[in-house]
Amino acid sequence: MTGERAQIIEELRAAAQRGTMFTVLLHHATATKAGLNVTDAQCINALTLDGPQTPGRLAQLMGITTGGAITAVVDRLEKAGYVRRSRDPDDRRRVIIELVPEAVARFSDYFEPIARSFAGLVADYDDDRLRLLLEWMRASNARMPGVIEQVRDLP
């Protein structure tokens, strides 16, 4: 590996680390503004991205227990009006957690500055650069569940 390539890779790694730090701080800020904790806000995010889910699936994604911890999260989100529980029409024993659109619209207001910043940033990129960035993000996102599991399994 050339010295220039190594330097570029190291700068990219550091930029990704900084981006992760800012993302965590941003999610803490938006959750706080909405009167939520970060886990509760990320459950809303997961439901927004992937649609209605079982409590077990949300617990797995968030890395919390399927018993009391996810029940407490869903209870808080339901009390705040963000979600509702419904029965799975195919298996009445299963509970499905779904968003309450009106409440999520209020929560989305906190993400408006992010949307404006994103729109301004991508406006400066041509389609080929956007495709490259999309490829990068998809590949990174595909790896993250496995990376998260590896971290969770560390002593």
C-alpha atoms as a PDB file:
ATOM      1  CA  MET A   1       0.000   0.000   0.000  1.00  0.00           C
ATOM      2  CA  THR A   2       1.348   3.396  -0.925  1.00  0.00           C
ATOM      3  CA  GLY A   3       1.882   6.055   1.699  1.00  0.00           C
ATOM      4  CA  GLU A   4      -0.729   8.270   0.044  1.00  0.00           C
ATOM      5  CA  ARG A   5      -3.307   5.472   0.028  1.00  0.00           C
ATOM      6  CA  ALA A   6      -2.613   4.689   3.689  1.00  0.00           C
ATOM      7  CA  GLN A   7      -3.045   8.367   4.553  1.00  0.00           C
ATOM      8  CA  ILE A   8      -6.332   8.580   2.651  1.00  0.00           C
ATOM      9  CA  ILE A   9      -7.633   5.426   4.359  1.00  0.00           C
ATOM     10  CA  GLU A  10      -6.642   6.762   7.785  1.00  0.00           C
ATOM     11  CA  GLU A  11      -8.324  10.118   7.081  1.00  0.00           C
ATOM     12  CA  LEU A  12     -11.449   8.286   5.894  1.00  0.00           C
ATOM     13  CA  ARG A  13     -11.449   6.129   9.070  1.00  0.00           C
ATOM     14  CA  ALA A  14     -11.098   9.221  11.264  1.00  0.00           C
ATOM     15  CA  ALA A  15     -13.837  11.030   9.317  1.00  0.00           C
ATOM     16  CA  ALA A  16     -16.147   8.033   9.752  1.00  0.00           C
ATOM     17  CA  GLN A  17     -15.364   7.971  13.487  1.00  0.00           C
ATOM     18  CA  ARG A  18     -16.148  11.688  13.740  1.00  0.00           C
ATOM     19  CA  GLY A  19     -19.347  11.182  11.739  1.00  0.00           C
ATOM     20  CA  THR A  20     -20.420   8.438  14.145  1.00  0.00           C
ATOM     21  CA  MET A  21     -19.747  10.723  17.095  1.00  0.00           C
ATOM     22  CA  PHE A  22     -21.833  13.507  15.557  1.00  0.00           C
ATOM     23  CA  THR A  23     -24.617  11.047  14.733  1.00  0.00           C
ATOM     24  CA  VAL A  24     -24.788   9.850  18.334  1.00  0.00           C
ATOM     25  CA  LEU A  25     -24.811  13.454  19.613  1.00  0.00           C
ATOM     26  CA  LEU A  26     -27.469  14.403  17.060  1.00  0.00           C
ATOM     27  CA  HIS A  27     -29.720  11.524  18.078  1.00  0.00           C
ATOM     28  CA  HIS A  28     -29.264  12.413  21.726  1.00  0.00           C
ATOM     29  CA  ALA A  29     -30.235  16.028  20.945  1.00  0.00           C
ATOM     30  CA  THR A  30     -33.328  15.096  18.923  1.00  0.00           C
ATOM     31  CA  ALA A  31     -34.463  12.538  21.491  1.00  0.00           C
ATOM     32  CA  THR A  32     -34.022  15.056  24.313  1.00  0.00           C
ATOM     33  CA  LYS A  33     -36.021  17.700  22.408  1.00  0.00           C
ATOM     34  CA  ALA A  34     -38.818  15.160  21.969  1.00  0.00           C
ATOM     35  CA  GLY A  35     -38.728  14.201  25.661  1.00  0.00           C
ATOM     36  CA  LEU A  36     -37.443  10.709  24.890  1.00  0.00           C
ATOM     37  CA  ASN A  37     -34.348   8.704  25.600  1.00  0.00           C
ATOM     38  CA  VAL A  38     -32.175   7.581  22.694  1.00  0.00           C
ATOM     39  CA  THR A  39     -33.381   3.961  22.714  1.00  0.00           C
ATOM     40  CA  ASP A  40     -37.019   5.045  22.552  1.00  0.00           C
ATOM     41  CA  ALA A  41     -36.224   7.466  19.724  1.00  0.00           C
ATOM     42  CA  GLN A  42     -34.346   4.765  17.823  1.00  0.00           C
ATOM     43  CA  CYS A  43     -37.361   2.475  18.131  1.00  0.00           C
ATOM     44  CA  ILE A  44     -39.372   5.201  16.400  1.00  0.00           C
ATOM     45  CA  ASN A  45     -36.624   5.410  13.788  1.00  0.00           C
ATOM     46  CA  ALA A  46     -36.705   1.628  13.226  1.00  0.00           C
ATOM     47  CA  LEU A  47     -40.489   1.650  12.879  1.00  0.00           C
ATOM     48  CA  THR A  48     -40.243   4.569  10.448  1.00  0.00           C
ATOM     49  CA  LEU A  49     -37.678   2.768   8.302  1.00  0.00           C
ATOM     50  CA  ASP A  50     -39.012  -0.785   8.446  1.00  0.00           C
ATOM     51  CA  GLY A  51     -42.692  -0.476   9.325  1.00  0.00           C
ATOM     52  CA  PRO A  52     -44.652  -2.216  12.088  1.00  0.00           C
ATOM     53  CA  GLN A  53     -42.724  -4.813  14.069  1.00  0.00           C
ATOM     54  CA  THR A  54     -43.106  -7.209  16.929  1.00  0.00           C
ATOM     55  CA  PRO A  55     -41.684  -6.184  20.297  1.00  0.00           C
ATOM     56  CA  GLY A  56     -39.225  -9.060  19.984  1.00  0.00           C
ATOM     57  CA  ARG A  57     -37.831  -7.733  16.717  1.00  0.00           C
ATOM     58  CA  LEU A  58     -37.464  -4.232  18.182  1.00  0.00           C
ATOM     59  CA  ALA A  59     -35.729  -5.667  21.268  1.00  0.00           C
ATOM     60  CA  GLN A  60     -33.311  -7.621  19.096  1.00  0.00           C
ATOM     61  CA  LEU A  61     -32.507  -4.577  16.991  1.00  0.00           C
ATOM     62  CA  MET A  62     -31.987  -2.337  20.037  1.00  0.00           C
ATOM     63  CA  GLY A  63     -29.988  -4.955  21.917  1.00  0.00           C
ATOM     64  CA  ILE A  64     -32.323  -5.060  24.907  1.00  0.00           C
ATOM     65  CA  THR A  65     -34.215  -7.893  26.562  1.00  0.00           C
ATOM     66  CA  THR A  66     -37.471  -9.169  25.122  1.00  0.00           C
ATOM     67  CA  GLY A  67     -39.117  -9.147  28.522  1.00  0.00           C
ATOM     68  CA  GLY A  68     -39.310  -6.111  30.727  1.00  0.00           C
ATOM     69  CA  ALA A  69     -36.971  -3.764  28.846  1.00  0.00           C
ATOM     70  CA  ILE A  70     -38.830  -3.709  25.527  1.00  0.00           C
ATOM     71  CA  THR A  71     -42.165  -3.664  27.331  1.00  0.00           C
ATOM     72  CA  ALA A  72     -41.055  -0.548  29.218  1.00  0.00           C
ATOM     73  CA  VAL A  73     -39.949   1.105  25.947  1.00  0.00           C
ATOM     74  CA  VAL A  74     -43.243   0.322  24.213  1.00  0.00           C
ATOM     75  CA  ASP A  75     -45.205   1.436  27.292  1.00  0.00           C
ATOM     76  CA  ARG A  76     -43.387   4.799  27.305  1.00  0.00           C
ATOM     77  CA  LEU A  77     -43.849   5.304  23.563  1.00  0.00           C
ATOM     78  CA  GLU A  78     -47.517   4.333  23.774  1.00  0.00           C
ATOM     79  CA  LYS A  79     -48.115   6.666  26.729  1.00  0.00           C
ATOM     80  CA  ALA A  80     -46.436   9.504  24.784  1.00  0.00           C
ATOM     81  CA  GLY A  81     -48.696   8.730  21.814  1.00  0.00           C
ATOM     82  CA  TYR A  82     -45.977   7.653  19.376  1.00  0.00           C
ATOM     83  CA  VAL A  83     -47.022   4.012  18.956  1.00  0.00           C
ATOM     84  CA  ARG A  84     -49.953   1.706  19.400  1.00  0.00           C
ATOM     85  CA  ARG A  85     -50.156  -2.008  19.940  1.00  0.00           C
ATOM     86  CA  SER A  86     -52.315  -4.094  17.641  1.00  0.00           C
ATOM     87  CA  ARG A  87     -52.884  -7.779  17.134  1.00  0.00           C
ATOM     88  CA  ASP A  88     -51.337  -9.571  14.180  1.00  0.00           C
ATOM     89  CA  PRO A  89     -54.292 -10.448  11.932  1.00  0.00           C
ATOM     90  CA  ASP A  90     -52.631 -13.768  11.030  1.00  0.00           C
ATOM     91  CA  ASP A  91     -51.763 -14.759  14.607  1.00  0.00           C
ATOM     92  CA  ARG A  92     -53.888 -13.059  17.260  1.00  0.00           C
ATOM     93  CA  ARG A  93     -51.372 -14.070  19.956  1.00  0.00           C
ATOM     94  CA  ARG A  94     -48.727 -11.801  18.431  1.00  0.00           C
ATOM     95  CA  VAL A  95     -48.571  -8.096  19.163  1.00  0.00           C
ATOM     96  CA  ILE A  96     -47.479  -5.651  16.494  1.00  0.00           C
ATOM     97  CA  ILE A  97     -46.096  -2.222  17.341  1.00  0.00           C
ATOM     98  CA  GLU A  98     -47.012   0.480  14.841  1.00  0.00           C
ATOM     99  CA  LEU A  99     -46.444   4.204  14.655  1.00  0.00           C
ATOM    100  CA  VAL A 100     -49.111   6.834  15.207  1.00  0.00           C
ATOM    101  CA  PRO A 101     -48.483   9.030  12.138  1.00  0.00           C
ATOM    102  CA  GLU A 102     -49.602  12.328  13.685  1.00  0.00           C
ATOM    103  CA  ALA A 103     -47.237  11.938  16.638  1.00  0.00           C
ATOM    104  CA  VAL A 104     -44.333  10.895  14.440  1.00  0.00           C
ATOM    105  CA  ALA A 105     -44.907  13.983  12.288  1.00  0.00           C
ATOM    106  CA  ARG A 106     -44.245  16.104  15.401  1.00  0.00           C
ATOM    107  CA  PHE A 107     -41.081  14.120  16.132  1.00  0.00           C
ATOM    108  CA  SER A 108     -39.968  14.563  12.505  1.00  0.00           C
ATOM    109  CA  ASP A 109     -39.897  18.328  12.987  1.00  0.00           C
ATOM    110  CA  TYR A 110     -36.684  17.892  14.974  1.00  0.00           C
ATOM    111  CA  PHE A 111     -35.049  16.340  11.910  1.00  0.00           C
ATOM    112  CA  GLU A 112     -35.821  19.267   9.584  1.00  0.00           C
ATOM    113  CA  PRO A 113     -32.362  20.856  10.056  1.00  0.00           C
ATOM    114  CA  ILE A 114     -30.805  17.512   9.119  1.00  0.00           C
ATOM    115  CA  ALA A 115     -32.968  17.264   5.994  1.00  0.00           C
ATOM    116  CA  ARG A 116     -31.999  20.797   4.916  1.00  0.00           C
ATOM    117  CA  SER A 117     -28.316  20.099   5.468  1.00  0.00           C
ATOM    118  CA  PHE A 118     -28.538  16.821   3.559  1.00  0.00           C
ATOM    119  CA  ALA A 119     -30.365  18.445   0.644  1.00  0.00           C
ATOM    120  CA  GLY A 120     -27.735  21.177   0.439  1.00  0.00           C
ATOM    121  CA  LEU A 121     -24.914  18.661   0.535  1.00  0.00           C
ATOM    122  CA  VAL A 122     -26.228  16.296  -2.149  1.00  0.00           C
ATOM    123  CA  ALA A 123     -27.106  19.217  -4.446  1.00  0.00           C
ATOM    124  CA  ASP A 124     -23.371  19.658  -5.094  1.00  0.00           C
ATOM    125  CA  TYR A 125     -22.824  16.061  -6.282  1.00  0.00           C
ATOM    126  CA  ASP A 126     -23.413  14.645  -9.744  1.00  0.00           C
ATOM    127  CA  ASP A 127     -25.294  11.373 -10.238  1.00  0.00           C
ATOM    128  CA  ASP A 128     -22.130   9.243 -10.492  1.00  0.00           C
ATOM    129  CA  ARG A 129     -20.822  10.528  -7.148  1.00  0.00           C
ATOM    130  CA  LEU A 130     -24.258  10.022  -5.568  1.00  0.00           C
ATOM    131  CA  ARG A 131     -24.332   6.423  -6.850  1.00  0.00           C
ATOM    132  CA  LEU A 132     -20.892   5.830  -5.312  1.00  0.00           C
ATOM    133  CA  LEU A 133     -22.028   7.259  -1.980  1.00  0.00           C
ATOM    134  CA  LEU A 134     -25.189   5.159  -2.088  1.00  0.00           C
ATOM    135  CA  GLU A 135     -23.125   2.039  -2.803  1.00  0.00           C
ATOM    136  CA  TRP A 136     -20.853   2.895   0.149  1.00  0.00           C
ATOM    137  CA  MET A 137     -23.784   3.477   2.526  1.00  0.00           C
ATOM    138  CA  ARG A 138     -25.567   0.277   1.480  1.00  0.00           C
ATOM    139  CA  ALA A 139     -22.382  -1.770   1.940  1.00  0.00           C
ATOM    140  CA  SER A 140     -21.651  -0.140   5.299  1.00  0.00           C
ATOM    141  CA  ASN A 141     -25.230  -0.625   6.517  1.00  0.00           C
ATOM    142  CA  ALA A 142     -25.187  -4.268   5.414  1.00  0.00           C
ATOM    143  CA  ARG A 143     -22.114  -4.887   7.583  1.00  0.00           C
ATOM    144  CA  MET A 144     -23.295  -3.032  10.687  1.00  0.00           C
ATOM    145  CA  PRO A 145     -25.625  -5.682  12.191  1.00  0.00           C
ATOM    146  CA  GLY A 146     -22.732  -8.155  12.204  1.00  0.00           C
ATOM    147  CA  VAL A 147     -20.328  -5.568  13.625  1.00  0.00           C
ATOM    148  CA  ILE A 148     -22.833  -4.686  16.349  1.00  0.00           C
ATOM    149  CA  GLU A 149     -23.166  -8.376  17.264  1.00  0.00           C
ATOM    150  CA  GLN A 150     -19.387  -8.724  17.407  1.00  0.00           C
ATOM    151  CA  VAL A 151     -19.166  -5.769  19.778  1.00  0.00           C
ATOM    152  CA  ARG A 152     -22.007  -7.119  21.926  1.00  0.00           C
ATOM    153  CA  ASP A 153     -20.167 -10.460  22.177  1.00  0.00           C
ATOM    154  CA  LEU A 154     -16.923  -8.901  23.398  1.00  0.00           C
ATOM    155  CA  PRO A 155     -16.006  -9.594  27.039  1.00  0.00           C
END
